[in-house]
Structures are given as C-alpha cells and as structure tokens.
Amino acid sequence: MKVIEHSFGEFFITTDKTKLDIVAIHDFLSKHSGWSDNIPFERVKISIDNSLNFGLFHSNKQIGFARVISDFSTIAYLGDIYILDNYRGQGHSKKLMDVVMGHPNLQGLRRWILLTSTAEWLYEKYGFTKLPKPEIYMELFDPNVYKPDNKRLKKIE
C-alpha cells in the first residue's frame, strides 16, 4: 500500500511503519491508555504489523497514533487512537482523523467500527453514531487479558 504523508507546520502524519516509534506507542498503550493496560510489547508490534497505521509527529517525536484494521472493501475498525497530553486541545486529533478518514484505501466502506468512552464529540463529526440496534451485536471481551496471571494470555514466539 502506498505511504501517505501529510505535513502541517512542524507536524506531520505518516502511514510509513518504518517511521513509527513502537517503543513510544507501546508505552502509551500499556501505561496511559486505560484500554490496553499492560499489553505486552510484542502484541503491540504484531498489531502494528497487521494494520494500517497513522503516526502523528512533532519535530520527529511521535505525539499521536491511530490504527485501522480493514479488508479495504467493506469494513474498518478504528482503534488505539491517542494524542499525548501536552498536545491535546490544539486540533491535532481532528487533523489525525481527517487523514485517517480521507485515506484513499478506506473510501466507500459499508461499515466503520469504533469503541470509545472518550471524545465522542470528535468522532461524531466524522459520522460515527451510537449503535442503533445494540441487541444485534455480540462480542467476546476479556478486559483482563493482558494481566500476567490471565490464562488466556498466550505467549507469542
């Protein structure tokens, strides 16, 4: 897939995986996100390897991230979106979402999925809504999967 880059001032967004700071992404997701606390580094690396990723940078320091899991034809899941605290409230989340939602390989999809407990105001601007029929959705969810004593956490070799 073609690498997309978008610059604005001292900031840029890229889909180039080689530019991502996976250590910084892991640090945020495992210690500061609240949704993937304690996620092992190798799990983050594999998730990045198998997703379309969007890194947000300020002067070559990674300050934000989003990733999309998709078949690039009918459906996409948007997840692991964050902006570092010091950069929030400055419009960077909107810029990141503009680039994600405008990506040429993510156009014409029938369905987007997003799980969030924050920033609903942001996602609503891009057409995301609450589930109209939550009774038809099912999930298998283990909020403790990354805890070391969880038997479902399998080692990746």
N, C-alpha and C. Protein backbone atom coordinates (compact mmCIF):
# COMPACT_ATOMS: atom_id res chain seq x y z
N MET A 1 0.83 -1.17 0.00
CA MET A 1 0.00 0.00 0.00
C MET A 1 0.89 1.24 0.00
N LYS A 2 0.50 2.21 -0.77
CA LYS A 2 1.27 3.45 -0.90
C LYS A 2 1.30 4.20 0.43
N VAL A 3 2.48 4.71 0.80
CA VAL A 3 2.64 5.50 2.01
C VAL A 3 2.02 6.88 1.77
N ILE A 4 1.23 7.31 2.75
CA ILE A 4 0.60 8.63 2.70
C ILE A 4 1.28 9.50 3.76
N GLU A 5 1.66 10.72 3.38
CA GLU A 5 2.22 11.66 4.35
C GLU A 5 1.54 13.01 4.17
N HIS A 6 1.27 13.63 5.29
CA HIS A 6 0.62 14.94 5.30
C HIS A 6 1.35 15.83 6.30
N SER A 7 1.86 16.97 5.84
CA SER A 7 2.58 17.90 6.71
C SER A 7 1.76 19.14 6.96
N PHE A 8 1.89 19.68 8.18
CA PHE A 8 1.27 20.95 8.53
C PHE A 8 2.12 21.61 9.61
N GLY A 9 2.79 22.69 9.22
CA GLY A 9 3.71 23.37 10.12
C GLY A 9 4.85 22.45 10.54
N GLU A 10 5.09 22.36 11.82
CA GLU A 10 6.15 21.49 12.35
C GLU A 10 5.67 20.06 12.58
N PHE A 11 4.48 19.75 12.12
CA PHE A 11 3.85 18.45 12.36
C PHE A 11 3.71 17.67 11.06
N PHE A 12 3.70 16.35 11.17
CA PHE A 12 3.36 15.53 10.01
C PHE A 12 2.73 14.23 10.46
N ILE A 13 1.91 13.69 9.57
CA ILE A 13 1.25 12.40 9.78
C ILE A 13 1.72 11.49 8.67
N THR A 14 2.07 10.26 9.02
CA THR A 14 2.54 9.31 8.02
C THR A 14 1.95 7.92 8.27
N THR A 15 1.82 7.17 7.19
CA THR A 15 1.43 5.76 7.29
C THR A 15 2.66 4.86 7.13
N ASP A 16 3.83 5.44 7.09
CA ASP A 16 5.07 4.68 6.93
C ASP A 16 5.43 4.00 8.26
N LYS A 17 5.30 2.67 8.29
CA LYS A 17 5.57 1.91 9.52
C LYS A 17 7.01 2.06 9.99
N THR A 18 7.93 2.29 9.07
CA THR A 18 9.34 2.39 9.46
C THR A 18 9.61 3.66 10.27
N LYS A 19 8.72 4.64 10.21
CA LYS A 19 8.91 5.88 10.96
C LYS A 19 8.25 5.83 12.34
N LEU A 20 7.45 4.83 12.61
CA LEU A 20 6.74 4.75 13.89
C LEU A 20 7.72 4.47 15.03
N ASP A 21 7.47 5.08 16.16
CA ASP A 21 8.23 4.83 17.37
C ASP A 21 7.43 3.81 18.19
N ILE A 22 7.68 2.54 17.91
CA ILE A 22 6.89 1.47 18.52
C ILE A 22 7.09 1.45 20.03
N VAL A 23 8.26 1.80 20.51
CA VAL A 23 8.50 1.87 21.96
C VAL A 23 7.58 2.92 22.59
N ALA A 24 7.47 4.09 21.96
CA ALA A 24 6.59 5.15 22.47
C ALA A 24 5.12 4.74 22.39
N ILE A 25 4.74 4.10 21.30
CA ILE A 25 3.35 3.64 21.16
C ILE A 25 3.04 2.63 22.26
N HIS A 26 3.94 1.67 22.45
CA HIS A 26 3.74 0.67 23.50
C HIS A 26 3.64 1.33 24.87
N ASP A 27 4.51 2.28 25.14
CA ASP A 27 4.49 2.97 26.43
C ASP A 27 3.13 3.60 26.68
N PHE A 28 2.61 4.31 25.68
CA PHE A 28 1.31 4.96 25.87
C PHE A 28 0.22 3.92 26.06
N LEU A 29 0.16 2.94 25.16
CA LEU A 29 -0.92 1.96 25.23
C LEU A 29 -0.88 1.13 26.51
N SER A 30 0.31 0.74 26.94
CA SER A 30 0.42 -0.16 28.09
C SER A 30 0.33 0.55 29.44
N LYS A 31 0.64 1.86 29.46
CA LYS A 31 0.69 2.57 30.75
C LYS A 31 -0.28 3.73 30.90
N HIS A 32 -0.77 4.29 29.79
CA HIS A 32 -1.53 5.53 29.89
C HIS A 32 -2.89 5.50 29.19
N SER A 33 -3.20 4.47 28.43
CA SER A 33 -4.43 4.48 27.63
C SER A 33 -5.68 4.15 28.43
N GLY A 34 -5.57 3.21 29.34
CA GLY A 34 -6.76 2.74 30.07
C GLY A 34 -7.49 1.62 29.35
N TRP A 35 -7.29 1.47 28.05
CA TRP A 35 -7.98 0.39 27.33
C TRP A 35 -7.08 -0.80 27.02
N SER A 36 -5.78 -0.63 27.13
CA SER A 36 -4.89 -1.78 26.87
C SER A 36 -3.74 -1.81 27.88
N ASP A 37 -4.08 -1.50 29.11
CA ASP A 37 -3.07 -1.51 30.16
C ASP A 37 -2.35 -2.85 30.21
N ASN A 38 -1.03 -2.77 30.35
CA ASN A 38 -0.16 -3.95 30.46
C ASN A 38 -0.03 -4.77 29.17
N ILE A 39 -0.46 -4.25 28.05
CA ILE A 39 -0.31 -5.00 26.80
C ILE A 39 1.18 -5.25 26.56
N PRO A 40 1.55 -6.49 26.26
CA PRO A 40 2.96 -6.78 26.01
C PRO A 40 3.47 -6.09 24.74
N PHE A 41 4.75 -5.73 24.74
CA PHE A 41 5.37 -5.06 23.60
C PHE A 41 5.15 -5.85 22.31
N GLU A 42 5.34 -7.15 22.37
CA GLU A 42 5.22 -7.99 21.17
C GLU A 42 3.80 -7.94 20.59
N ARG A 43 2.79 -7.84 21.44
CA ARG A 43 1.40 -7.71 20.96
C ARG A 43 1.21 -6.40 20.20
N VAL A 44 1.79 -5.33 20.72
CA VAL A 44 1.69 -4.03 20.03
C VAL A 44 2.39 -4.11 18.68
N LYS A 45 3.57 -4.70 18.66
CA LYS A 45 4.33 -4.82 17.41
C LYS A 45 3.54 -5.62 16.37
N ILE A 46 2.96 -6.72 16.77
CA ILE A 46 2.18 -7.54 15.83
C ILE A 46 0.94 -6.79 15.36
N SER A 47 0.29 -6.05 16.26
CA SER A 47 -0.89 -5.29 15.85
C SER A 47 -0.52 -4.23 14.81
N ILE A 48 0.62 -3.61 14.98
CA ILE A 48 1.09 -2.61 14.01
C ILE A 48 1.45 -3.28 12.69
N ASP A 49 2.11 -4.43 12.76
CA ASP A 49 2.48 -5.15 11.54
C ASP A 49 1.26 -5.52 10.70
N ASN A 50 0.11 -5.70 11.34
CA ASN A 50 -1.08 -6.18 10.65
C ASN A 50 -2.18 -5.14 10.52
N SER A 51 -1.81 -3.87 10.58
CA SER A 51 -2.78 -2.78 10.49
C SER A 51 -2.27 -1.68 9.58
N LEU A 52 -3.18 -0.80 9.20
CA LEU A 52 -2.83 0.45 8.55
C LEU A 52 -2.67 1.47 9.67
N ASN A 53 -1.47 2.02 9.83
CA ASN A 53 -1.13 2.87 10.96
C ASN A 53 -0.94 4.31 10.54
N PHE A 54 -1.27 5.21 11.46
CA PHE A 54 -1.12 6.64 11.23
C PHE A 54 -0.35 7.21 12.41
N GLY A 55 0.90 7.61 12.17
CA GLY A 55 1.71 8.22 13.22
C GLY A 55 1.68 9.73 13.07
N LEU A 56 1.46 10.42 14.18
CA LEU A 56 1.48 11.89 14.21
C LEU A 56 2.76 12.32 14.92
N PHE A 57 3.51 13.19 14.27
CA PHE A 57 4.82 13.60 14.77
C PHE A 57 4.95 15.11 14.87
N HIS A 58 5.70 15.55 15.87
CA HIS A 58 6.10 16.94 16.00
C HIS A 58 7.62 16.94 16.07
N SER A 59 8.26 17.55 15.09
CA SER A 59 9.73 17.58 15.02
C SER A 59 10.33 16.20 15.25
N ASN A 60 9.83 15.22 14.55
CA ASN A 60 10.29 13.82 14.58
C ASN A 60 10.03 13.09 15.90
N LYS A 61 9.26 13.68 16.82
CA LYS A 61 8.85 12.98 18.04
C LYS A 61 7.40 12.53 17.85
N GLN A 62 7.14 11.25 18.09
CA GLN A 62 5.78 10.75 17.93
C GLN A 62 4.91 11.27 19.06
N ILE A 63 3.81 11.96 18.69
CA ILE A 63 2.91 12.54 19.69
C ILE A 63 1.50 12.00 19.58
N GLY A 64 1.24 11.19 18.56
CA GLY A 64 -0.09 10.63 18.38
C GLY A 64 -0.06 9.42 17.48
N PHE A 65 -1.17 8.71 17.48
CA PHE A 65 -1.24 7.44 16.75
C PHE A 65 -2.69 7.06 16.54
N ALA A 66 -2.93 6.34 15.47
CA ALA A 66 -4.22 5.68 15.22
C ALA A 66 -3.92 4.49 14.32
N ARG A 67 -4.74 3.45 14.44
CA ARG A 67 -4.57 2.33 13.52
C ARG A 67 -5.92 1.84 13.07
N VAL A 68 -5.92 1.28 11.86
CA VAL A 68 -7.14 0.78 11.25
C VAL A 68 -6.91 -0.67 10.84
N ILE A 69 -7.86 -1.51 11.21
CA ILE A 69 -7.89 -2.90 10.76
C ILE A 69 -9.01 -2.97 9.73
N SER A 70 -8.71 -3.45 8.52
CA SER A 70 -9.71 -3.41 7.46
C SER A 70 -9.46 -4.46 6.39
N ASP A 71 -10.54 -4.78 5.65
CA ASP A 71 -10.40 -5.58 4.44
C ASP A 71 -10.29 -4.64 3.22
N PHE A 72 -10.39 -3.33 3.47
CA PHE A 72 -10.26 -2.27 2.45
C PHE A 72 -11.32 -2.37 1.37
N SER A 73 -12.43 -3.02 1.69
CA SER A 73 -13.52 -3.15 0.75
C SER A 73 -14.87 -2.88 1.39
N THR A 74 -15.08 -3.45 2.59
CA THR A 74 -16.40 -3.35 3.20
C THR A 74 -16.41 -2.83 4.63
N ILE A 75 -15.32 -3.04 5.38
CA ILE A 75 -15.37 -2.74 6.81
C ILE A 75 -14.01 -2.28 7.33
N ALA A 76 -14.05 -1.45 8.37
CA ALA A 76 -12.82 -1.00 9.03
C ALA A 76 -13.09 -0.81 10.52
N TYR A 77 -12.11 -1.17 11.31
CA TYR A 77 -12.14 -0.92 12.75
C TYR A 77 -11.08 0.12 13.06
N LEU A 78 -11.47 1.18 13.71
CA LEU A 78 -10.57 2.27 14.08
C LEU A 78 -10.25 2.15 15.56
N GLY A 79 -8.97 2.07 15.89
CA GLY A 79 -8.62 1.88 17.30
C GLY A 79 -7.27 2.45 17.67
N ASP A 80 -6.97 2.36 18.95
CA ASP A 80 -5.70 2.80 19.53
C ASP A 80 -5.37 4.25 19.17
N ILE A 81 -6.38 5.09 19.15
CA ILE A 81 -6.19 6.50 18.80
C ILE A 81 -5.77 7.27 20.05
N TYR A 82 -4.70 8.04 19.93
CA TYR A 82 -4.31 8.89 21.06
C TYR A 82 -3.48 10.07 20.59
N ILE A 83 -3.51 11.10 21.41
CA ILE A 83 -2.64 12.27 21.30
C ILE A 83 -2.03 12.44 22.69
N LEU A 84 -0.73 12.66 22.78
CA LEU A 84 -0.10 12.87 24.09
C LEU A 84 -0.72 14.09 24.78
N ASP A 85 -0.80 14.02 26.11
CA ASP A 85 -1.45 15.07 26.91
C ASP A 85 -0.99 16.48 26.56
N ASN A 86 0.30 16.70 26.42
CA ASN A 86 0.82 18.05 26.17
C ASN A 86 0.38 18.63 24.82
N TYR A 87 -0.16 17.79 23.94
CA TYR A 87 -0.55 18.24 22.60
C TYR A 87 -2.06 18.25 22.41
N ARG A 88 -2.80 17.89 23.44
CA ARG A 88 -4.27 17.87 23.33
C ARG A 88 -4.83 19.28 23.35
N GLY A 89 -6.01 19.42 22.77
CA GLY A 89 -6.68 20.72 22.76
C GLY A 89 -6.13 21.69 21.74
N GLN A 90 -5.32 21.20 20.79
CA GLN A 90 -4.71 22.06 19.79
C GLN A 90 -5.13 21.69 18.36
N GLY A 91 -6.15 20.84 18.24
CA GLY A 91 -6.65 20.46 16.93
C GLY A 91 -5.95 19.28 16.27
N HIS A 92 -5.01 18.66 16.99
CA HIS A 92 -4.26 17.55 16.39
C HIS A 92 -5.10 16.30 16.19
N SER A 93 -6.06 16.05 17.08
CA SER A 93 -6.91 14.87 16.91
C SER A 93 -7.77 15.02 15.65
N LYS A 94 -8.23 16.24 15.38
CA LYS A 94 -9.02 16.47 14.15
C LYS A 94 -8.15 16.26 12.91
N LYS A 95 -6.92 16.77 12.94
CA LYS A 95 -6.01 16.57 11.79
C LYS A 95 -5.77 15.08 11.57
N LEU A 96 -5.52 14.35 12.66
CA LEU A 96 -5.28 12.92 12.55
C LEU A 96 -6.51 12.22 11.97
N MET A 97 -7.68 12.55 12.47
CA MET A 97 -8.92 11.93 11.96
C MET A 97 -9.17 12.31 10.50
N ASP A 98 -8.86 13.55 10.12
CA ASP A 98 -9.01 13.96 8.71
C ASP A 98 -8.18 13.05 7.80
N VAL A 99 -6.95 12.78 8.20
CA VAL A 99 -6.07 11.95 7.37
C VAL A 99 -6.55 10.50 7.37
N VAL A 100 -6.94 9.98 8.52
CA VAL A 100 -7.46 8.61 8.59
C VAL A 100 -8.69 8.46 7.70
N MET A 101 -9.67 9.30 7.91
CA MET A 101 -10.94 9.18 7.18
C MET A 101 -10.80 9.51 5.69
N GLY A 102 -9.76 10.26 5.33
CA GLY A 102 -9.55 10.61 3.93
C GLY A 102 -8.62 9.66 3.19
N HIS A 103 -8.11 8.65 3.87
CA HIS A 103 -7.17 7.72 3.23
C HIS A 103 -7.84 7.07 2.01
N PRO A 104 -7.18 7.07 0.86
CA PRO A 104 -7.80 6.56 -0.36
C PRO A 104 -8.24 5.10 -0.30
N ASN A 105 -7.58 4.27 0.49
CA ASN A 105 -7.95 2.85 0.57
C ASN A 105 -9.07 2.59 1.57
N LEU A 106 -9.57 3.65 2.20
CA LEU A 106 -10.65 3.49 3.18
C LEU A 106 -11.93 4.18 2.74
N GLN A 107 -12.06 4.42 1.46
CA GLN A 107 -13.25 5.08 0.93
C GLN A 107 -14.27 4.04 0.47
N GLY A 108 -15.54 4.37 0.61
CA GLY A 108 -16.62 3.51 0.12
C GLY A 108 -16.89 2.29 0.98
N LEU A 109 -16.43 2.28 2.22
CA LEU A 109 -16.67 1.15 3.10
C LEU A 109 -18.12 1.16 3.58
N ARG A 110 -18.69 0.00 3.75
CA ARG A 110 -20.06 -0.11 4.24
C ARG A 110 -20.15 0.20 5.73
N ARG A 111 -19.12 -0.20 6.49
CA ARG A 111 -19.20 -0.04 7.94
C ARG A 111 -17.84 0.28 8.53
N TRP A 112 -17.86 1.21 9.48
CA TRP A 112 -16.72 1.53 10.34
C TRP A 112 -17.12 1.15 11.76
N ILE A 113 -16.17 0.65 12.53
CA ILE A 113 -16.41 0.30 13.93
C ILE A 113 -15.41 1.07 14.78
N LEU A 114 -15.90 1.57 15.90
CA LEU A 114 -15.07 2.31 16.83
C LEU A 114 -15.60 2.04 18.23
N LEU A 115 -14.71 1.71 19.14
CA LEU A 115 -15.08 1.55 20.55
C LEU A 115 -14.41 2.67 21.32
N THR A 116 -15.20 3.49 22.01
CA THR A 116 -14.63 4.61 22.74
C THR A 116 -15.48 4.99 23.94
N SER A 117 -14.81 5.50 24.95
CA SER A 117 -15.52 6.07 26.09
C SER A 117 -15.16 7.55 26.24
N THR A 118 -14.38 8.06 25.30
CA THR A 118 -13.98 9.47 25.33
C THR A 118 -14.08 10.08 23.94
N ALA A 119 -14.10 11.36 23.88
CA ALA A 119 -14.05 12.15 22.63
C ALA A 119 -15.15 11.80 21.64
N GLU A 120 -16.34 11.46 22.15
CA GLU A 120 -17.46 11.20 21.23
C GLU A 120 -17.72 12.40 20.32
N TRP A 121 -17.54 13.60 20.85
CA TRP A 121 -17.74 14.83 20.08
C TRP A 121 -16.88 14.84 18.83
N LEU A 122 -15.66 14.29 18.93
CA LEU A 122 -14.76 14.26 17.78
C LEU A 122 -15.27 13.27 16.73
N TYR A 123 -15.57 12.06 17.15
CA TYR A 123 -15.95 11.02 16.21
C TYR A 123 -17.31 11.29 15.57
N GLU A 124 -18.19 11.97 16.29
CA GLU A 124 -19.49 12.34 15.72
C GLU A 124 -19.32 13.25 14.51
N LYS A 125 -18.28 14.08 14.51
CA LYS A 125 -18.01 14.96 13.36
C LYS A 125 -17.72 14.17 12.09
N TYR A 126 -17.32 12.91 12.24
CA TYR A 126 -16.99 12.07 11.09
C TYR A 126 -18.08 11.04 10.80
N GLY A 127 -19.24 11.23 11.42
CA GLY A 127 -20.39 10.38 11.12
C GLY A 127 -20.59 9.20 12.05
N PHE A 128 -19.72 9.02 13.03
CA PHE A 128 -19.91 7.92 13.98
C PHE A 128 -21.10 8.21 14.87
N THR A 129 -21.89 7.19 15.14
CA THR A 129 -23.07 7.31 15.99
C THR A 129 -23.11 6.13 16.96
N LYS A 130 -23.94 6.25 17.98
CA LYS A 130 -24.19 5.12 18.88
C LYS A 130 -24.88 4.02 18.09
N LEU A 131 -24.74 2.79 18.55
CA LEU A 131 -25.36 1.67 17.84
C LEU A 131 -26.87 1.82 17.82
N PRO A 132 -27.48 1.80 16.63
CA PRO A 132 -28.93 1.91 16.56
C PRO A 132 -29.63 0.63 17.03
N LYS A 133 -28.96 -0.51 16.90
CA LYS A 133 -29.53 -1.79 17.31
C LYS A 133 -28.49 -2.57 18.10
N PRO A 134 -28.17 -2.15 19.30
CA PRO A 134 -27.12 -2.85 20.04
C PRO A 134 -27.46 -4.32 20.30
N GLU A 135 -28.74 -4.66 20.25
CA GLU A 135 -29.14 -6.04 20.50
C GLU A 135 -28.67 -7.03 19.43
N ILE A 136 -28.23 -6.53 18.26
CA ILE A 136 -27.74 -7.46 17.23
C ILE A 136 -26.23 -7.66 17.27
N TYR A 137 -25.54 -6.92 18.16
CA TYR A 137 -24.09 -7.03 18.26
C TYR A 137 -23.70 -8.00 19.37
N MET A 138 -22.66 -8.76 19.11
CA MET A 138 -22.13 -9.68 20.10
C MET A 138 -20.62 -9.44 20.19
N GLU A 139 -20.04 -9.81 21.30
CA GLU A 139 -18.60 -9.70 21.44
C GLU A 139 -18.09 -10.75 22.41
N LEU A 140 -16.83 -11.05 22.26
CA LEU A 140 -16.08 -11.86 23.22
C LEU A 140 -15.02 -10.91 23.76
N PHE A 141 -15.14 -10.50 25.01
CA PHE A 141 -14.30 -9.46 25.56
C PHE A 141 -13.70 -9.92 26.87
N ASP A 142 -12.39 -9.77 27.01
CA ASP A 142 -11.69 -10.10 28.24
C ASP A 142 -10.88 -8.87 28.65
N PRO A 143 -11.41 -8.04 29.54
CA PRO A 143 -10.68 -6.82 29.93
C PRO A 143 -9.40 -7.10 30.70
N ASN A 144 -9.20 -8.32 31.14
CA ASN A 144 -8.01 -8.67 31.92
C ASN A 144 -7.00 -9.49 31.12
N VAL A 145 -7.15 -9.55 29.82
CA VAL A 145 -6.32 -10.43 29.00
C VAL A 145 -4.82 -10.14 29.13
N TYR A 146 -4.44 -8.89 29.38
CA TYR A 146 -3.02 -8.55 29.44
C TYR A 146 -2.43 -8.66 30.84
N LYS A 147 -3.23 -9.06 31.79
CA LYS A 147 -2.69 -9.26 33.14
C LYS A 147 -1.86 -10.54 33.14
N PRO A 148 -0.71 -10.51 33.76
CA PRO A 148 0.23 -11.65 33.70
C PRO A 148 -0.37 -12.97 34.17
N ASP A 149 -1.33 -12.94 35.09
CA ASP A 149 -1.89 -14.19 35.60
C ASP A 149 -3.08 -14.70 34.80
N ASN A 150 -3.44 -14.02 33.70
CA ASN A 150 -4.57 -14.45 32.89
C ASN A 150 -4.16 -15.64 32.02
N LYS A 151 -4.90 -16.71 32.12
CA LYS A 151 -4.58 -17.94 31.37
C LYS A 151 -4.82 -17.79 29.87
N ARG A 152 -5.61 -16.79 29.46
CA ARG A 152 -5.87 -16.59 28.03
C ARG A 152 -4.74 -15.84 27.34
N LEU A 153 -3.86 -15.20 28.12
CA LEU A 153 -2.73 -14.50 27.52
C LEU A 153 -1.70 -15.54 27.08
N LYS A 154 -1.63 -15.73 25.82
CA LYS A 154 -0.69 -16.72 25.26
C LYS A 154 0.61 -16.01 24.89
N LYS A 155 1.68 -16.67 25.11
CA LYS A 155 2.98 -16.12 24.72
C LYS A 155 3.10 -16.15 23.20
N ILE A 156 3.69 -15.13 22.67
CA ILE A 156 3.95 -15.06 21.24
C ILE A 156 5.42 -15.37 21.02
N GLU A 157 5.67 -16.31 20.16
CA GLU A 157 7.07 -16.68 19.91
C GLU A 157 7.46 -16.40 18.49
